[in-house]
Structure formats: C-alpha cells, structure tokens
PDB file of N, CA and C in Angstrom:
ATOM      1  N   UNK A   1      35.220  -6.698  -2.603  1.00  0.00           N
ATOM      2  CA  UNK A   1      34.900  -6.082  -1.403  1.00  0.00           C
ATOM      3  C   UNK A   1      33.720  -5.083  -1.507  1.00  0.00           C
ATOM      4  N   UNK A   2      33.619  -4.452  -2.667  1.00  0.00           N
ATOM      5  CA  UNK A   2      32.544  -3.451  -2.938  1.00  0.00           C
ATOM      6  C   UNK A   2      31.210  -4.135  -2.981  1.00  0.00           C
ATOM      7  N   UNK A   3      31.038  -5.431  -3.415  1.00  0.00           N
ATOM      8  CA  UNK A   3      29.704  -6.058  -3.486  1.00  0.00           C
ATOM      9  C   UNK A   3      29.301  -6.456  -1.971  1.00  0.00           C
ATOM     10  N   UNK A   4      30.297  -6.766  -1.172  1.00  0.00           N
ATOM     11  CA  UNK A   4      29.997  -7.138   0.203  1.00  0.00           C
ATOM     12  C   UNK A   4      29.380  -5.986   0.965  1.00  0.00           C
ATOM     13  N   UNK A   5      29.918  -4.762   0.757  1.00  0.00           N
ATOM     14  CA  UNK A   5      29.398  -3.511   1.397  1.00  0.00           C
ATOM     15  C   UNK A   5      27.885  -3.303   0.779  1.00  0.00           C
ATOM     16  N   UNK A   6      27.741  -3.371  -0.494  1.00  0.00           N
ATOM     17  CA  UNK A   6      26.427  -3.154  -1.081  1.00  0.00           C
ATOM     18  C   UNK A   6      25.362  -4.149  -0.523  1.00  0.00           C
ATOM     19  N   UNK A   7      25.802  -5.414  -0.414  1.00  0.00           N
ATOM     20  CA  UNK A   7      24.868  -6.430   0.175  1.00  0.00           C
ATOM     21  C   UNK A   7      24.471  -5.986   1.603  1.00  0.00           C
ATOM     22  N   UNK A   8      25.401  -5.578   2.334  1.00  0.00           N
ATOM     23  CA  UNK A   8      25.292  -5.213   3.760  1.00  0.00           C
ATOM     24  C   UNK A   8      24.285  -3.978   3.823  1.00  0.00           C
ATOM     25  N   UNK A   9      24.427  -3.024   2.797  1.00  0.00           N
ATOM     26  CA  UNK A   9      23.642  -1.880   2.697  1.00  0.00           C
ATOM     27  C   UNK A   9      22.154  -2.297   2.452  1.00  0.00           C
ATOM     28  N   UNK A  10      21.934  -3.271   1.445  1.00  0.00           N
ATOM     29  CA  UNK A  10      20.647  -3.776   1.137  1.00  0.00           C
ATOM     30  C   UNK A  10      20.046  -4.493   2.318  1.00  0.00           C
ATOM     31  N   UNK A  11      20.743  -5.211   3.003  1.00  0.00           N
ATOM     32  CA  UNK A  11      20.204  -5.892   4.178  1.00  0.00           C
ATOM     33  C   UNK A  11      19.786  -4.998   5.211  1.00  0.00           C
ATOM     34  N   UNK A  12      20.629  -3.929   5.400  1.00  0.00           N
ATOM     35  CA  UNK A  12      20.318  -2.919   6.479  1.00  0.00           C
ATOM     36  C   UNK A  12      19.053  -2.241   6.013  1.00  0.00           C
ATOM     37  N   UNK A  13      18.813  -1.830   4.846  1.00  0.00           N
ATOM     38  CA  UNK A  13      17.596  -1.143   4.371  1.00  0.00           C
ATOM     39  C   UNK A  13      16.392  -2.100   4.543  1.00  0.00           C
ATOM     40  N   UNK A  14      16.589  -3.308   4.227  1.00  0.00           N
ATOM     41  CA  UNK A  14      15.504  -4.172   4.279  1.00  0.00           C
ATOM     42  C   UNK A  14      15.017  -4.458   5.832  1.00  0.00           C
ATOM     43  N   UNK A  15      16.077  -4.503   6.727  1.00  0.00           N
ATOM     44  CA  UNK A  15      15.762  -4.563   8.126  1.00  0.00           C
ATOM     45  C   UNK A  15      15.068  -3.329   8.676  1.00  0.00           C
ATOM     46  N   UNK A  16      15.510  -2.141   8.176  1.00  0.00           N
ATOM     47  CA  UNK A  16      14.842  -0.889   8.512  1.00  0.00           C
ATOM     48  C   UNK A  16      13.406  -0.854   8.091  1.00  0.00           C
ATOM     49  N   UNK A  17      13.228  -1.260   6.845  1.00  0.00           N
ATOM     50  CA  UNK A  17      11.825  -1.287   6.259  1.00  0.00           C
ATOM     51  C   UNK A  17      10.976  -2.199   7.074  1.00  0.00           C
ATOM     52  N   UNK A  18      11.447  -3.326   7.541  1.00  0.00           N
ATOM     53  CA  UNK A  18      10.704  -4.190   8.313  1.00  0.00           C
ATOM     54  C   UNK A  18      10.432  -3.635   9.714  1.00  0.00           C
ATOM     55  N   UNK A  19      11.433  -2.975  10.296  1.00  0.00           N
ATOM     56  CA  UNK A  19      11.136  -2.393  11.533  1.00  0.00           C
ATOM     57  C   UNK A  19      10.145  -1.235  11.516  1.00  0.00           C
ATOM     58  N   UNK A  20      10.123  -0.474  10.474  1.00  0.00           N
ATOM     59  CA  UNK A  20       9.098   0.565  10.267  1.00  0.00           C
ATOM     60  C   UNK A  20       7.774   0.057  10.027  1.00  0.00           C
ATOM     61  N   UNK A  21       7.620  -1.044   9.248  1.00  0.00           N
ATOM     62  CA  UNK A  21       6.362  -1.708   8.965  1.00  0.00           C
ATOM     63  C   UNK A  21       5.784  -2.242  10.230  1.00  0.00           C
ATOM     64  N   UNK A  22       6.656  -2.607  11.201  1.00  0.00           N
ATOM     65  CA  UNK A  22       6.124  -3.255  12.446  1.00  0.00           C
ATOM     66  C   UNK A  22       5.487  -2.239  13.300  1.00  0.00           C
ATOM     67  N   UNK A  23       5.802  -1.015  13.071  1.00  0.00           N
ATOM     68  CA  UNK A  23       5.307   0.129  13.885  1.00  0.00           C
ATOM     69  C   UNK A  23       3.914   0.629  13.325  1.00  0.00           C
ATOM     70  N   UNK A  24       3.148  -0.223  12.709  1.00  0.00           N
ATOM     71  CA  UNK A  24       1.836   0.096  12.031  1.00  0.00           C
ATOM     72  C   UNK A  24       0.928   0.832  13.141  1.00  0.00           C
ATOM     73  N   UNK A  25       0.302   1.853  12.718  1.00  0.00           N
ATOM     74  CA  UNK A  25      -0.600   2.568  13.671  1.00  0.00           C
ATOM     75  C   UNK A  25      -1.737   1.663  14.158  1.00  0.00           C
ATOM     76  N   UNK A  26      -2.159   0.676  13.318  1.00  0.00           N
ATOM     77  CA  UNK A  26      -3.316  -0.157  13.706  1.00  0.00           C
ATOM     78  C   UNK A  26      -2.839  -1.067  14.840  1.00  0.00           C
ATOM     79  N   UNK A  27      -1.534  -1.306  14.978  1.00  0.00           N
ATOM     80  CA  UNK A  27      -1.156  -2.176  16.008  1.00  0.00           C
ATOM     81  C   UNK A  27      -0.865  -1.495  17.342  1.00  0.00           C
ATOM     82  N   UNK A  28      -0.910  -0.264  17.332  1.00  0.00           N
ATOM     83  CA  UNK A  28      -0.693   0.545  18.573  1.00  0.00           C
ATOM     84  C   UNK A  28      -1.872   0.494  19.555  1.00  0.00           C
ATOM     85  N   UNK A  29      -1.776   0.303  20.764  1.00  0.00           N
ATOM     86  CA  UNK A  29      -2.820   0.389  21.769  1.00  0.00           C
ATOM     87  C   UNK A  29      -3.688  -0.865  21.857  1.00  0.00           C
ATOM     88  N   UNK A  30      -3.285  -1.959  21.196  1.00  0.00           N
ATOM     89  CA  UNK A  30      -4.096  -3.154  21.299  1.00  0.00           C
ATOM     90  C   UNK A  30      -3.796  -3.949  22.598  1.00  0.00           C
ATOM     91  N   UNK A  31      -4.701  -4.649  22.940  1.00  0.00           N
ATOM     92  CA  UNK A  31      -4.575  -5.535  24.192  1.00  0.00           C
ATOM     93  C   UNK A  31      -3.352  -6.571  24.151  1.00  0.00           C
ATOM     94  N   UNK A  32      -2.549  -6.522  24.979  1.00  0.00           N
ATOM     95  CA  UNK A  32      -1.346  -7.460  24.975  1.00  0.00           C
ATOM     96  C   UNK A  32      -1.376  -8.382  26.157  1.00  0.00           C
ATOM     97  N   UNK A  33      -2.153  -7.993  27.203  1.00  0.00           N
ATOM     98  CA  UNK A  33      -2.253  -8.876  28.349  1.00  0.00           C
ATOM     99  C   UNK A  33      -3.676  -9.362  28.323  1.00  0.00           C
ATOM    100  N   UNK A  34      -3.870 -10.613  28.754  1.00  0.00           N
ATOM    101  CA  UNK A  34      -5.254 -11.188  28.687  1.00  0.00           C
ATOM    102  C   UNK A  34      -5.565 -11.669  30.133  1.00  0.00           C
ATOM    103  N   UNK A  35      -6.922 -11.570  30.343  1.00  0.00           N
ATOM    104  CA  UNK A  35      -7.530 -12.202  31.488  1.00  0.00           C
ATOM    105  C   UNK A  35      -8.620 -13.231  31.095  1.00  0.00           C
ATOM    106  N   UNK A  36      -8.350 -14.355  31.579  1.00  0.00           N
ATOM    107  CA  UNK A  36      -9.206 -15.543  31.170  1.00  0.00           C
ATOM    108  C   UNK A  36     -10.694 -15.187  31.548  1.00  0.00           C
ATOM    109  N   UNK A  37     -11.518 -15.275  30.469  1.00  0.00           N
ATOM    110  CA  UNK A  37     -12.945 -15.168  30.599  1.00  0.00           C
ATOM    111  C   UNK A  37     -13.426 -13.685  30.660  1.00  0.00           C
ATOM    112  N   UNK A  38     -12.516 -12.752  30.361  1.00  0.00           N
ATOM    113  CA  UNK A  38     -12.868 -11.252  30.364  1.00  0.00           C
ATOM    114  C   UNK A  38     -12.434 -10.656  29.065  1.00  0.00           C
ATOM    115  N   UNK A  39     -13.393 -10.026  28.467  1.00  0.00           N
ATOM    116  CA  UNK A  39     -13.125  -9.300  27.177  1.00  0.00           C
ATOM    117  C   UNK A  39     -12.455  -7.920  27.469  1.00  0.00           C
ATOM    118  N   UNK A  40     -11.268  -7.741  27.028  1.00  0.00           N
ATOM    119  CA  UNK A  40     -10.588  -6.481  27.358  1.00  0.00           C
ATOM    120  C   UNK A  40     -10.580  -5.511  26.128  1.00  0.00           C
ATOM    121  N   UNK A  41     -11.211  -5.760  25.074  1.00  0.00           N
ATOM    122  CA  UNK A  41     -11.236  -4.922  23.819  1.00  0.00           C
ATOM    123  C   UNK A  41     -12.082  -3.801  23.932  1.00  0.00           C
ATOM    124  N   UNK A  42     -12.200  -3.051  22.896  1.00  0.00           N
ATOM    125  CA  UNK A  42     -13.048  -1.949  22.711  1.00  0.00           C
ATOM    126  C   UNK A  42     -14.568  -2.401  22.774  1.00  0.00           C
ATOM    127  N   UNK A  43     -15.440  -1.646  23.401  1.00  0.00           N
ATOM    128  CA  UNK A  43     -16.798  -2.118  23.328  1.00  0.00           C
ATOM    129  C   UNK A  43     -17.407  -1.949  21.945  1.00  0.00           C
ATOM    130  N   UNK A  44     -18.386  -2.843  21.641  1.00  0.00           N
ATOM    131  CA  UNK A  44     -19.059  -2.754  20.310  1.00  0.00           C
ATOM    132  C   UNK A  44     -19.880  -1.537  20.187  1.00  0.00           C
ATOM    133  N   UNK A  45     -20.010  -1.031  18.919  1.00  0.00           N
ATOM    134  CA  UNK A  45     -20.906   0.087  18.699  1.00  0.00           C
ATOM    135  C   UNK A  45     -22.323  -0.435  18.440  1.00  0.00           C
ATOM    136  N   UNK A  46     -23.255   0.276  18.789  1.00  0.00           N
ATOM    137  CA  UNK A  46     -24.690  -0.112  18.576  1.00  0.00           C
ATOM    138  C   UNK A  46     -25.019   0.026  17.051  1.00  0.00           C
ATOM    139  N   UNK A  47     -25.844  -0.956  16.640  1.00  0.00           N
ATOM    140  CA  UNK A  47     -26.246  -0.883  15.235  1.00  0.00           C
ATOM    141  C   UNK A  47     -27.548   0.082  15.168  1.00  0.00           C
ATOM    142  N   UNK A  48     -27.604   0.636  14.075  1.00  0.00           N
ATOM    143  CA  UNK A  48     -28.779   1.540  13.857  1.00  0.00           C
ATOM    144  C   UNK A  48     -30.037   0.649  13.609  1.00  0.00           C
ATOM    145  N   UNK A  49     -31.243   1.283  13.680  1.00  0.00           N
ATOM    146  CA  UNK A  49     -32.382   0.557  13.336  1.00  0.00           C
ATOM    147  C   UNK A  49     -32.403   0.090  11.913  1.00  0.00           C
ATOM    148  N   UNK A  50     -31.883   0.945  10.970  1.00  0.00           N
ATOM    149  CA  UNK A  50     -31.804   0.529   9.504  1.00  0.00           C
ATOM    150  C   UNK A  50     -30.851  -0.778   9.401  1.00  0.00           C
ATOM    151  N   UNK A  51     -29.700  -0.720  10.121  1.00  0.00           N
ATOM    152  CA  UNK A  51     -28.792  -1.846  10.019  1.00  0.00           C
ATOM    153  C   UNK A  51     -29.404  -3.146  10.516  1.00  0.00           C
ATOM    154  N   UNK A  52     -30.172  -2.976  11.692  1.00  0.00           N
ATOM    155  CA  UNK A  52     -30.845  -4.282  12.221  1.00  0.00           C
ATOM    156  C   UNK A  52     -31.834  -4.757  11.222  1.00  0.00           C
ATOM    157  N   UNK A  53     -32.618  -3.849  10.634  1.00  0.00           N
ATOM    158  CA  UNK A  53     -33.590  -4.256   9.695  1.00  0.00           C
ATOM    159  C   UNK A  53     -32.987  -4.984   8.436  1.00  0.00           C
ATOM    160  N   UNK A  54     -31.865  -4.499   7.958  1.00  0.00           N
ATOM    161  CA  UNK A  54     -31.200  -5.140   6.785  1.00  0.00           C
ATOM    162  C   UNK A  54     -30.636  -6.424   7.134  1.00  0.00           C
ATOM    163  N   UNK A  55     -30.107  -6.586   8.355  1.00  0.00           N
ATOM    164  CA  UNK A  55     -29.620  -7.858   8.860  1.00  0.00           C
ATOM    165  C   UNK A  55     -30.766  -8.896   8.975  1.00  0.00           C
ATOM    166  N   UNK A  56     -31.787  -8.469   9.585  1.00  0.00           N
ATOM    167  CA  UNK A  56     -32.948  -9.407   9.692  1.00  0.00           C
ATOM    168  C   UNK A  56     -33.537  -9.866   8.364  1.00  0.00           C
ATOM    169  N   UNK A  57     -33.576  -8.906   7.423  1.00  0.00           N
ATOM    170  CA  UNK A  57     -34.010  -9.327   6.056  1.00  0.00           C
ATOM    171  C   UNK A  57     -33.006 -10.280   5.423  1.00  0.00           C
ATOM    172  N   UNK A  58     -31.771 -10.044   5.505  1.00  0.00           N
ATOM    173  CA  UNK A  58     -30.742 -10.985   4.931  1.00  0.00           C
ATOM    174  C   UNK A  58     -30.852 -12.325   5.548  1.00  0.00           C
ATOM    175  N   UNK A  59     -31.038 -12.384   6.851  1.00  0.00           N
ATOM    176  CA  UNK A  59     -31.193 -13.632   7.649  1.00  0.00           C
ATOM    177  C   UNK A  59     -32.462 -14.384   7.129  1.00  0.00           C
ATOM    178  N   UNK A  60     -33.489 -13.725   6.905  1.00  0.00           N
ATOM    179  CA  UNK A  60     -34.722 -14.333   6.476  1.00  0.00           C
ATOM    180  C   UNK A  60     -34.627 -14.950   5.052  1.00  0.00           C
ATOM    181  N   UNK A  61     -33.813 -14.130   4.177  1.00  0.00           N
ATOM    182  CA  UNK A  61     -33.633 -14.701   2.838  1.00  0.00           C
ATOM    183  C   UNK A  61     -32.727 -15.882   2.873  1.00  0.00           C
ATOM    184  N   UNK A  62     -31.755 -15.895   3.725  1.00  0.00           N
ATOM    185  CA  UNK A  62     -30.785 -17.003   3.825  1.00  0.00           C
ATOM    186  C   UNK A  62     -31.493 -18.217   4.358  1.00  0.00           C
ATOM    187  N   UNK A  63     -32.401 -18.062   5.291  1.00  0.00           N
ATOM    188  CA  UNK A  63     -33.086 -19.268   5.875  1.00  0.00           C
ATOM    189  C   UNK A  63     -34.162 -19.752   5.114  1.00  0.00           C
ATOM    190  N   UNK A  64     -34.516 -19.019   3.999  1.00  0.00           N
ATOM    191  CA  UNK A  64     -35.636 -19.485   3.047  1.00  0.00           C
ATOM    192  C   UNK A  64     -37.017 -19.061   3.598  1.00  0.00           C
ATOM    193  N   UNK A  65     -36.936 -18.125   4.556  1.00  0.00           N
ATOM    194  CA  UNK A  65     -38.253 -17.650   5.151  1.00  0.00           C
ATOM    195  C   UNK A  65     -38.772 -16.374   4.612  1.00  0.00           C
TER     196      UNK A  65
END
C-alpha cells in the first residue's frame, strides 16, 4: 500500500511540473485567434543601416557576386 501512495505522489508532482511549465512567460500574450490574410502579430523592428549593409554583403558573397 505504501508504494501505491508514493507512485501517486510522483505522478502528482510530474503533473504539477508539467502544468507549471505550460505557463511559460513566452507563451503569454500570443495570438490565439486568426484572421485569414491578416497578420496579427507584433510589428517587425526596423533594421539599422549597419545591419542592412552586413546583410547585403552576406547575400553578395553567397551569390558569388
């Protein structure tokens, strides 16, 4: 009877851990309803001039130009 109770405790702790992990901060506030053809996420941030320059250089190297 004692092992049955300890197995139940372990299962309860595993379930609790799973429930807490499901409450990850990154998952909060994300879009759960969708509208076809409409982007409902956060707007993209603008790239700096330096970032654009580096991306263009990388693209040129990859294309062989």
